[in-house]
């Protein structure tokens, strides 16, 4: 059984068509927690595949995607302020 890596993925995409494509890919991989931010629990292979897929969708001269790992020791220290995102449609729960 492979362990899941928790990553936070944020992006800034210049062109609306590329933006929509990136957002659709990330919606299948994780949960949107803000407009351009996703939380994803992925196996190492799935994370690598996602990185390669995203790389093919962007224009590196204009766009950027930030993939930030969250270690298991850091996860309990994440705190929300304000309205929590709706995770009812999440394909998984991270506890």
N, C-alpha and C. Protein backbone atom coordinates (compact mmCIF):
# COMPACT_ATOMS: atom_id res chain seq x y z
N UNK A 1 0.84 -1.18 0.00
CA UNK A 1 0.00 0.00 0.00
C UNK A 1 0.88 1.24 0.00
N UNK A 2 0.67 2.13 -0.94
CA UNK A 2 1.45 3.36 -1.03
C UNK A 2 0.87 4.41 -0.11
N UNK A 3 1.77 5.19 0.48
CA UNK A 3 1.29 6.28 1.32
C UNK A 3 0.93 7.46 0.44
N UNK A 4 0.04 8.30 0.95
CA UNK A 4 -0.38 9.49 0.23
C UNK A 4 0.45 10.68 0.69
N UNK A 5 0.83 11.49 -0.26
CA UNK A 5 1.50 12.75 0.04
C UNK A 5 0.46 13.86 -0.05
N UNK A 6 0.44 14.71 0.96
CA UNK A 6 -0.43 15.87 0.93
C UNK A 6 0.35 17.02 0.31
N UNK A 7 -0.21 17.61 -0.74
CA UNK A 7 0.41 18.76 -1.38
C UNK A 7 -0.64 19.85 -1.55
N UNK A 8 -0.18 21.08 -1.46
CA UNK A 8 -1.00 22.24 -1.76
C UNK A 8 -0.50 22.76 -3.11
N UNK A 9 -1.42 22.89 -4.05
CA UNK A 9 -1.06 23.35 -5.39
C UNK A 9 -1.77 24.67 -5.65
N UNK A 10 -0.97 25.68 -5.97
CA UNK A 10 -1.53 26.98 -6.32
C UNK A 10 -1.00 27.36 -7.70
N UNK A 11 -1.75 28.21 -8.38
CA UNK A 11 -1.34 28.54 -9.73
C UNK A 11 -1.74 29.96 -10.10
N UNK A 12 -1.02 30.50 -11.08
CA UNK A 12 -1.34 31.78 -11.69
C UNK A 12 -1.12 31.59 -13.18
N UNK A 13 -2.22 31.50 -13.91
CA UNK A 13 -2.19 31.19 -15.33
C UNK A 13 -2.68 32.41 -16.11
N UNK A 14 -1.90 32.84 -17.10
CA UNK A 14 -2.19 34.09 -17.81
C UNK A 14 -3.35 34.00 -18.79
N UNK A 15 -3.49 32.90 -19.48
CA UNK A 15 -4.50 32.79 -20.54
C UNK A 15 -5.72 32.00 -20.06
N UNK A 16 -6.93 32.52 -20.28
CA UNK A 16 -8.15 31.85 -19.78
C UNK A 16 -8.30 30.39 -20.22
N UNK A 17 -7.93 30.07 -21.45
CA UNK A 17 -8.07 28.68 -21.90
C UNK A 17 -7.14 27.76 -21.12
N UNK A 18 -5.89 28.17 -20.92
CA UNK A 18 -4.96 27.35 -20.13
C UNK A 18 -5.41 27.29 -18.68
N UNK A 19 -5.91 28.40 -18.16
CA UNK A 19 -6.41 28.44 -16.79
C UNK A 19 -7.52 27.41 -16.59
N UNK A 20 -8.46 27.34 -17.50
CA UNK A 20 -9.56 26.37 -17.40
C UNK A 20 -9.05 24.94 -17.47
N UNK A 21 -8.09 24.69 -18.34
CA UNK A 21 -7.54 23.34 -18.46
C UNK A 21 -6.82 22.91 -17.19
N UNK A 22 -6.02 23.80 -16.64
CA UNK A 22 -5.31 23.49 -15.40
C UNK A 22 -6.31 23.26 -14.27
N UNK A 23 -7.31 24.11 -14.15
CA UNK A 23 -8.32 23.96 -13.09
C UNK A 23 -9.05 22.62 -13.21
N UNK A 24 -9.41 22.22 -14.41
CA UNK A 24 -10.12 20.94 -14.60
C UNK A 24 -9.25 19.76 -14.20
N UNK A 25 -7.98 19.81 -14.54
CA UNK A 25 -7.07 18.73 -14.14
C UNK A 25 -6.97 18.66 -12.62
N UNK A 26 -6.82 19.81 -11.98
CA UNK A 26 -6.68 19.83 -10.52
C UNK A 26 -7.97 19.43 -9.81
N UNK A 27 -9.12 19.73 -10.40
CA UNK A 27 -10.39 19.32 -9.80
C UNK A 27 -10.51 17.80 -9.74
N UNK A 28 -9.87 17.10 -10.66
CA UNK A 28 -9.89 15.63 -10.63
C UNK A 28 -8.87 15.07 -9.64
N UNK A 29 -7.90 15.89 -9.25
CA UNK A 29 -6.82 15.41 -8.40
C UNK A 29 -7.01 15.74 -6.92
N UNK A 30 -7.83 16.75 -6.62
CA UNK A 30 -7.94 17.17 -5.23
C UNK A 30 -9.15 18.03 -4.99
N UNK A 31 -9.08 18.78 -3.91
CA UNK A 31 -10.18 19.62 -3.46
C UNK A 31 -9.77 21.09 -3.58
N UNK A 32 -10.63 21.88 -4.21
CA UNK A 32 -10.36 23.31 -4.31
C UNK A 32 -10.61 23.93 -2.94
N UNK A 33 -9.57 24.60 -2.39
CA UNK A 33 -9.74 25.24 -1.09
C UNK A 33 -9.79 26.75 -1.20
N UNK A 34 -9.33 27.28 -2.31
CA UNK A 34 -9.50 28.68 -2.66
C UNK A 34 -9.55 28.75 -4.18
N UNK A 35 -9.79 29.92 -4.71
CA UNK A 35 -10.00 30.04 -6.16
C UNK A 35 -8.88 29.41 -6.99
N UNK A 36 -7.64 29.63 -6.62
CA UNK A 36 -6.51 29.08 -7.37
C UNK A 36 -5.64 28.18 -6.51
N UNK A 37 -6.25 27.52 -5.53
CA UNK A 37 -5.49 26.68 -4.60
C UNK A 37 -6.23 25.36 -4.40
N UNK A 38 -5.48 24.26 -4.51
CA UNK A 38 -6.04 22.93 -4.31
C UNK A 38 -5.24 22.17 -3.27
N UNK A 39 -5.93 21.29 -2.55
CA UNK A 39 -5.30 20.37 -1.61
C UNK A 39 -5.46 18.98 -2.21
N UNK A 40 -4.35 18.28 -2.36
CA UNK A 40 -4.38 16.97 -3.01
C UNK A 40 -3.65 15.94 -2.16
N UNK A 41 -4.25 14.79 -1.99
CA UNK A 41 -3.60 13.64 -1.37
C UNK A 41 -3.28 12.65 -2.48
N UNK A 42 -2.00 12.48 -2.79
CA UNK A 42 -1.60 11.70 -3.96
C UNK A 42 -0.51 10.70 -3.62
N UNK A 43 -0.52 9.58 -4.33
CA UNK A 43 0.60 8.65 -4.24
C UNK A 43 1.79 9.28 -4.94
N UNK A 44 2.99 8.79 -4.69
CA UNK A 44 4.16 9.35 -5.39
C UNK A 44 4.02 9.28 -6.91
N UNK A 45 3.51 8.16 -7.43
CA UNK A 45 3.33 8.03 -8.88
C UNK A 45 2.28 9.00 -9.41
N UNK A 46 1.18 9.15 -8.68
CA UNK A 46 0.13 10.08 -9.11
C UNK A 46 0.62 11.52 -9.07
N UNK A 47 1.43 11.86 -8.09
CA UNK A 47 1.99 13.21 -8.01
C UNK A 47 2.91 13.48 -9.20
N UNK A 48 3.75 12.53 -9.52
CA UNK A 48 4.64 12.68 -10.67
C UNK A 48 3.83 12.83 -11.96
N UNK A 49 2.82 11.99 -12.14
CA UNK A 49 1.98 12.07 -13.34
C UNK A 49 1.26 13.42 -13.42
N UNK A 50 0.78 13.93 -12.28
CA UNK A 50 0.11 15.22 -12.25
C UNK A 50 1.08 16.34 -12.63
N UNK A 51 2.28 16.30 -12.08
CA UNK A 51 3.28 17.32 -12.40
C UNK A 51 3.58 17.34 -13.90
N UNK A 52 3.74 16.17 -14.49
CA UNK A 52 4.02 16.10 -15.93
C UNK A 52 2.84 16.60 -16.75
N UNK A 53 1.64 16.24 -16.34
CA UNK A 53 0.44 16.69 -17.06
C UNK A 53 0.29 18.21 -17.00
N UNK A 54 0.50 18.78 -15.81
CA UNK A 54 0.41 20.22 -15.66
C UNK A 54 1.48 20.94 -16.46
N UNK A 55 2.67 20.38 -16.48
CA UNK A 55 3.78 20.99 -17.22
C UNK A 55 3.44 21.13 -18.70
N UNK A 56 2.71 20.16 -19.25
CA UNK A 56 2.34 20.20 -20.66
C UNK A 56 1.24 21.22 -20.94
N UNK A 57 0.49 21.63 -19.91
CA UNK A 57 -0.63 22.55 -20.10
C UNK A 57 -0.25 24.02 -20.04
N UNK A 58 0.88 24.34 -19.41
CA UNK A 58 1.20 25.75 -19.17
C UNK A 58 2.21 26.28 -20.17
N UNK A 59 2.29 27.59 -20.22
CA UNK A 59 3.34 28.29 -20.94
C UNK A 59 4.31 28.80 -19.88
N UNK A 60 5.50 28.19 -19.76
CA UNK A 60 6.41 28.57 -18.68
C UNK A 60 6.89 30.02 -18.73
N UNK A 61 6.72 30.67 -19.86
CA UNK A 61 7.11 32.08 -19.96
C UNK A 61 6.07 33.00 -19.32
N UNK A 62 4.82 32.53 -19.17
CA UNK A 62 3.75 33.37 -18.65
C UNK A 62 3.08 32.84 -17.38
N UNK A 63 3.12 31.54 -17.16
CA UNK A 63 2.35 30.90 -16.09
C UNK A 63 3.28 30.34 -15.02
N UNK A 64 2.69 30.10 -13.86
CA UNK A 64 3.43 29.33 -12.86
C UNK A 64 2.47 28.53 -11.99
N UNK A 65 3.00 27.39 -11.55
CA UNK A 65 2.28 26.48 -10.66
C UNK A 65 3.23 26.18 -9.50
N UNK A 66 2.73 26.31 -8.29
CA UNK A 66 3.53 26.03 -7.10
C UNK A 66 2.96 24.79 -6.42
N UNK A 67 3.79 23.77 -6.26
CA UNK A 67 3.39 22.53 -5.59
C UNK A 67 4.16 22.47 -4.28
N UNK A 68 3.42 22.58 -3.17
CA UNK A 68 4.04 22.66 -1.86
C UNK A 68 3.68 21.41 -1.05
N UNK A 69 4.67 20.60 -0.68
CA UNK A 69 4.37 19.43 0.16
C UNK A 69 4.06 19.86 1.59
N UNK A 70 3.18 19.11 2.23
CA UNK A 70 2.84 19.34 3.64
C UNK A 70 3.19 18.05 4.38
N UNK A 71 4.18 18.12 5.26
CA UNK A 71 4.60 16.92 5.96
C UNK A 71 3.57 16.52 7.02
N UNK A 72 3.62 15.27 7.43
CA UNK A 72 2.64 14.77 8.40
C UNK A 72 2.76 15.49 9.75
N UNK A 73 3.95 15.97 10.11
CA UNK A 73 4.12 16.71 11.37
C UNK A 73 3.53 18.11 11.27
N UNK A 74 3.52 18.67 10.05
CA UNK A 74 3.01 20.03 9.86
C UNK A 74 1.50 20.08 9.72
N UNK A 75 0.90 19.02 9.24
CA UNK A 75 -0.54 19.00 8.95
C UNK A 75 -1.39 19.45 10.13
N UNK A 76 -1.14 18.99 11.37
CA UNK A 76 -1.99 19.43 12.48
C UNK A 76 -1.87 20.91 12.81
N UNK A 77 -0.84 21.57 12.29
CA UNK A 77 -0.62 22.97 12.61
C UNK A 77 -1.22 23.93 11.58
N UNK A 78 -1.92 23.39 10.61
CA UNK A 78 -2.59 24.24 9.62
C UNK A 78 -3.88 24.75 10.25
N UNK A 79 -4.07 26.04 10.23
CA UNK A 79 -5.26 26.64 10.85
C UNK A 79 -5.99 27.50 9.83
N UNK A 80 -7.29 27.38 9.83
CA UNK A 80 -8.15 28.19 8.98
C UNK A 80 -8.69 29.36 9.78
N UNK A 81 -8.86 30.47 9.12
CA UNK A 81 -9.57 31.60 9.68
C UNK A 81 -10.64 31.97 8.67
N UNK A 82 -11.83 32.20 9.14
CA UNK A 82 -12.92 32.52 8.22
C UNK A 82 -13.65 31.26 7.78
N UNK A 83 -14.39 31.40 6.71
CA UNK A 83 -15.23 30.32 6.20
C UNK A 83 -14.37 29.16 5.68
N UNK A 84 -14.70 27.95 6.11
CA UNK A 84 -14.00 26.77 5.65
C UNK A 84 -14.49 26.38 4.26
N UNK A 85 -13.62 25.77 3.44
CA UNK A 85 -14.06 25.34 2.12
C UNK A 85 -15.04 24.17 2.23
N UNK A 86 -15.90 24.02 1.24
CA UNK A 86 -16.84 22.92 1.20
C UNK A 86 -16.13 21.69 0.67
N UNK A 87 -15.94 20.70 1.51
CA UNK A 87 -15.26 19.48 1.09
C UNK A 87 -16.24 18.32 0.95
N UNK A 88 -17.54 18.62 0.89
CA UNK A 88 -18.53 17.56 0.79
C UNK A 88 -18.39 16.77 -0.50
N UNK A 89 -17.83 17.38 -1.55
CA UNK A 89 -17.66 16.68 -2.82
C UNK A 89 -16.27 16.07 -2.93
N UNK A 90 -15.50 16.09 -1.85
CA UNK A 90 -14.15 15.57 -1.88
C UNK A 90 -14.16 14.07 -2.14
N UNK A 91 -13.23 13.58 -2.99
CA UNK A 91 -13.17 12.15 -3.25
C UNK A 91 -12.52 11.36 -2.12
N UNK A 92 -12.00 12.04 -1.12
CA UNK A 92 -11.35 11.41 0.01
C UNK A 92 -11.36 12.37 1.20
N UNK A 93 -11.03 11.84 2.35
CA UNK A 93 -10.90 12.68 3.55
C UNK A 93 -9.50 12.46 4.10
N UNK A 94 -8.85 13.51 4.50
CA UNK A 94 -7.55 13.42 5.15
C UNK A 94 -7.76 13.71 6.62
N UNK A 95 -7.42 12.73 7.43
CA UNK A 95 -7.66 12.87 8.87
C UNK A 95 -6.35 12.83 9.61
